[in-house]
Amino acid sequence: MQFQFNKNLLFLKDVNIDDVKQYDNYYEISISKPVSPHKCPVCKTETKKIHDYRYQRI
């Protein structure tokens, strides 16, 4: 995507920049992490399923 060069400016690793919006006095940058395998905390089985998506403003 065209926004990926901004990752170096923001010191972000292992994320995708999905969108950048410019407002009057600030920028809004939407980022996401790529899906990666992880282990279930209960049965320890590896999976790529995502339980929850969350938007968080920083």
N, C-alpha and C. Protein backbone atom coordinates (compact mmCIF):
# COMPACT_ATOMS: atom_id res chain seq x y z
N MET A 1 0.84 -1.18 0.00
CA MET A 1 0.00 0.00 0.00
C MET A 1 0.88 1.24 0.00
N GLN A 2 0.36 2.34 -0.42
CA GLN A 2 1.14 3.56 -0.57
C GLN A 2 1.60 4.17 0.75
N PHE A 3 1.02 3.79 1.88
CA PHE A 3 1.35 4.39 3.16
C PHE A 3 2.47 3.66 3.89
N GLN A 4 2.95 2.58 3.34
CA GLN A 4 3.91 1.74 4.08
C GLN A 4 5.22 2.46 4.37
N PHE A 5 5.60 3.44 3.59
CA PHE A 5 6.84 4.15 3.85
C PHE A 5 6.77 4.94 5.16
N ASN A 6 5.58 5.27 5.64
CA ASN A 6 5.43 6.02 6.89
C ASN A 6 5.77 5.19 8.12
N LYS A 7 5.84 3.90 7.99
CA LYS A 7 6.16 3.05 9.14
C LYS A 7 7.52 3.42 9.72
N ASN A 8 8.46 3.74 8.88
CA ASN A 8 9.79 4.12 9.38
C ASN A 8 9.74 5.42 10.16
N LEU A 9 8.93 6.34 9.74
CA LEU A 9 8.80 7.61 10.45
C LEU A 9 8.17 7.43 11.82
N LEU A 10 7.28 6.47 11.95
CA LEU A 10 6.55 6.24 13.20
C LEU A 10 7.19 5.15 14.05
N PHE A 11 8.29 4.57 13.60
CA PHE A 11 8.97 3.49 14.32
C PHE A 11 8.05 2.29 14.57
N LEU A 12 7.27 1.95 13.58
CA LEU A 12 6.35 0.82 13.69
C LEU A 12 6.94 -0.38 12.98
N LYS A 13 6.84 -1.55 13.63
CA LYS A 13 7.32 -2.79 13.01
C LYS A 13 6.17 -3.78 12.98
N ASP A 14 6.15 -4.60 11.96
CA ASP A 14 5.18 -5.69 11.84
C ASP A 14 3.73 -5.21 11.87
N VAL A 15 3.47 -4.08 11.25
CA VAL A 15 2.10 -3.58 11.14
C VAL A 15 1.84 -3.15 9.70
N ASN A 16 0.57 -3.06 9.35
CA ASN A 16 0.15 -2.54 8.06
C ASN A 16 -0.53 -1.20 8.29
N ILE A 17 -0.18 -0.23 7.50
CA ILE A 17 -0.87 1.06 7.55
C ILE A 17 -2.01 0.97 6.54
N ASP A 18 -3.24 1.00 7.05
CA ASP A 18 -4.41 0.80 6.21
C ASP A 18 -4.95 2.10 5.63
N ASP A 19 -4.84 3.17 6.38
CA ASP A 19 -5.43 4.43 5.92
C ASP A 19 -4.81 5.60 6.67
N VAL A 20 -4.70 6.74 6.00
CA VAL A 20 -4.24 7.97 6.63
C VAL A 20 -5.24 9.06 6.25
N LYS A 21 -5.79 9.72 7.27
CA LYS A 21 -6.73 10.81 7.03
C LYS A 21 -6.18 12.08 7.64
N GLN A 22 -6.29 13.16 6.90
CA GLN A 22 -5.82 14.45 7.39
C GLN A 22 -7.01 15.32 7.74
N TYR A 23 -6.97 15.86 8.97
CA TYR A 23 -7.99 16.79 9.43
C TYR A 23 -7.36 18.15 9.63
N ASP A 24 -8.12 19.11 10.11
CA ASP A 24 -7.60 20.47 10.24
C ASP A 24 -6.31 20.55 11.07
N ASN A 25 -6.29 19.90 12.21
CA ASN A 25 -5.12 20.04 13.08
C ASN A 25 -4.52 18.72 13.54
N TYR A 26 -4.86 17.60 12.89
CA TYR A 26 -4.26 16.32 13.24
C TYR A 26 -4.43 15.32 12.10
N TYR A 27 -3.69 14.24 12.21
CA TYR A 27 -3.80 13.12 11.27
C TYR A 27 -4.36 11.92 12.00
N GLU A 28 -5.11 11.11 11.29
CA GLU A 28 -5.61 9.86 11.83
C GLU A 28 -5.03 8.74 10.99
N ILE A 29 -4.29 7.84 11.63
CA ILE A 29 -3.62 6.76 10.93
C ILE A 29 -4.21 5.44 11.42
N SER A 30 -4.75 4.67 10.52
CA SER A 30 -5.33 3.37 10.86
C SER A 30 -4.31 2.28 10.55
N ILE A 31 -3.97 1.50 11.56
CA ILE A 31 -3.01 0.42 11.37
C ILE A 31 -3.61 -0.90 11.81
N SER A 32 -3.04 -1.99 11.31
CA SER A 32 -3.47 -3.32 11.72
C SER A 32 -2.26 -4.23 11.72
N LYS A 33 -2.37 -5.29 12.46
CA LYS A 33 -1.31 -6.30 12.47
C LYS A 33 -1.72 -7.44 11.55
N PRO A 34 -0.78 -8.02 10.84
CA PRO A 34 -1.12 -9.17 10.01
C PRO A 34 -1.51 -10.37 10.87
N VAL A 35 -2.34 -11.22 10.32
CA VAL A 35 -2.77 -12.42 11.04
C VAL A 35 -1.57 -13.34 11.16
N SER A 36 -1.33 -13.80 12.36
CA SER A 36 -0.21 -14.72 12.60
C SER A 36 -0.68 -15.86 13.49
N PRO A 37 -0.06 -17.00 13.38
CA PRO A 37 -0.47 -18.13 14.22
C PRO A 37 -0.18 -17.85 15.69
N HIS A 38 -1.04 -18.33 16.55
CA HIS A 38 -0.86 -18.20 17.99
C HIS A 38 -1.49 -19.42 18.66
N LYS A 39 -1.19 -19.60 19.93
CA LYS A 39 -1.68 -20.79 20.64
C LYS A 39 -2.88 -20.43 21.51
N CYS A 40 -3.80 -21.34 21.54
CA CYS A 40 -4.97 -21.22 22.41
C CYS A 40 -4.48 -21.30 23.85
N PRO A 41 -4.92 -20.38 24.72
CA PRO A 41 -4.47 -20.42 26.11
C PRO A 41 -4.98 -21.64 26.88
N VAL A 42 -6.04 -22.26 26.40
CA VAL A 42 -6.62 -23.40 27.11
C VAL A 42 -6.01 -24.72 26.63
N CYS A 43 -6.13 -25.00 25.33
CA CYS A 43 -5.70 -26.31 24.82
C CYS A 43 -4.32 -26.29 24.16
N LYS A 44 -3.74 -25.12 24.00
CA LYS A 44 -2.39 -24.96 23.41
C LYS A 44 -2.30 -25.34 21.94
N THR A 45 -3.43 -25.45 21.26
CA THR A 45 -3.45 -25.75 19.84
C THR A 45 -3.17 -24.46 19.06
N GLU A 46 -2.34 -24.58 18.02
CA GLU A 46 -2.02 -23.41 17.21
C GLU A 46 -3.15 -23.13 16.24
N THR A 47 -3.47 -21.84 16.07
CA THR A 47 -4.56 -21.43 15.19
C THR A 47 -4.28 -20.05 14.61
N LYS A 48 -4.97 -19.72 13.51
CA LYS A 48 -4.91 -18.38 12.93
C LYS A 48 -6.25 -17.67 13.07
N LYS A 49 -7.18 -18.28 13.75
CA LYS A 49 -8.50 -17.67 13.93
C LYS A 49 -8.40 -16.47 14.87
N ILE A 50 -9.19 -15.47 14.57
CA ILE A 50 -9.19 -14.25 15.38
C ILE A 50 -10.49 -14.18 16.16
N HIS A 51 -10.37 -14.05 17.45
CA HIS A 51 -11.54 -14.03 18.34
C HIS A 51 -12.21 -12.66 18.33
N ASP A 52 -11.42 -11.60 18.25
CA ASP A 52 -11.99 -10.27 18.44
C ASP A 52 -11.17 -9.24 17.67
N TYR A 53 -11.86 -8.30 17.08
CA TYR A 53 -11.22 -7.14 16.49
C TYR A 53 -11.55 -5.94 17.36
N ARG A 54 -10.59 -5.07 17.52
CA ARG A 54 -10.81 -3.95 18.42
C ARG A 54 -10.19 -2.69 17.82
N TYR A 55 -10.91 -1.60 17.88
CA TYR A 55 -10.38 -0.31 17.47
C TYR A 55 -9.96 0.42 18.74
N GLN A 56 -8.75 0.97 18.71
CA GLN A 56 -8.25 1.64 19.89
C GLN A 56 -7.61 2.96 19.46
N ARG A 57 -8.02 4.00 20.08
CA ARG A 57 -7.46 5.33 19.78
C ARG A 57 -6.29 5.60 20.72
N ILE A 58 -5.18 6.00 20.14
CA ILE A 58 -3.99 6.30 20.94
C ILE A 58 -3.64 7.76 20.79
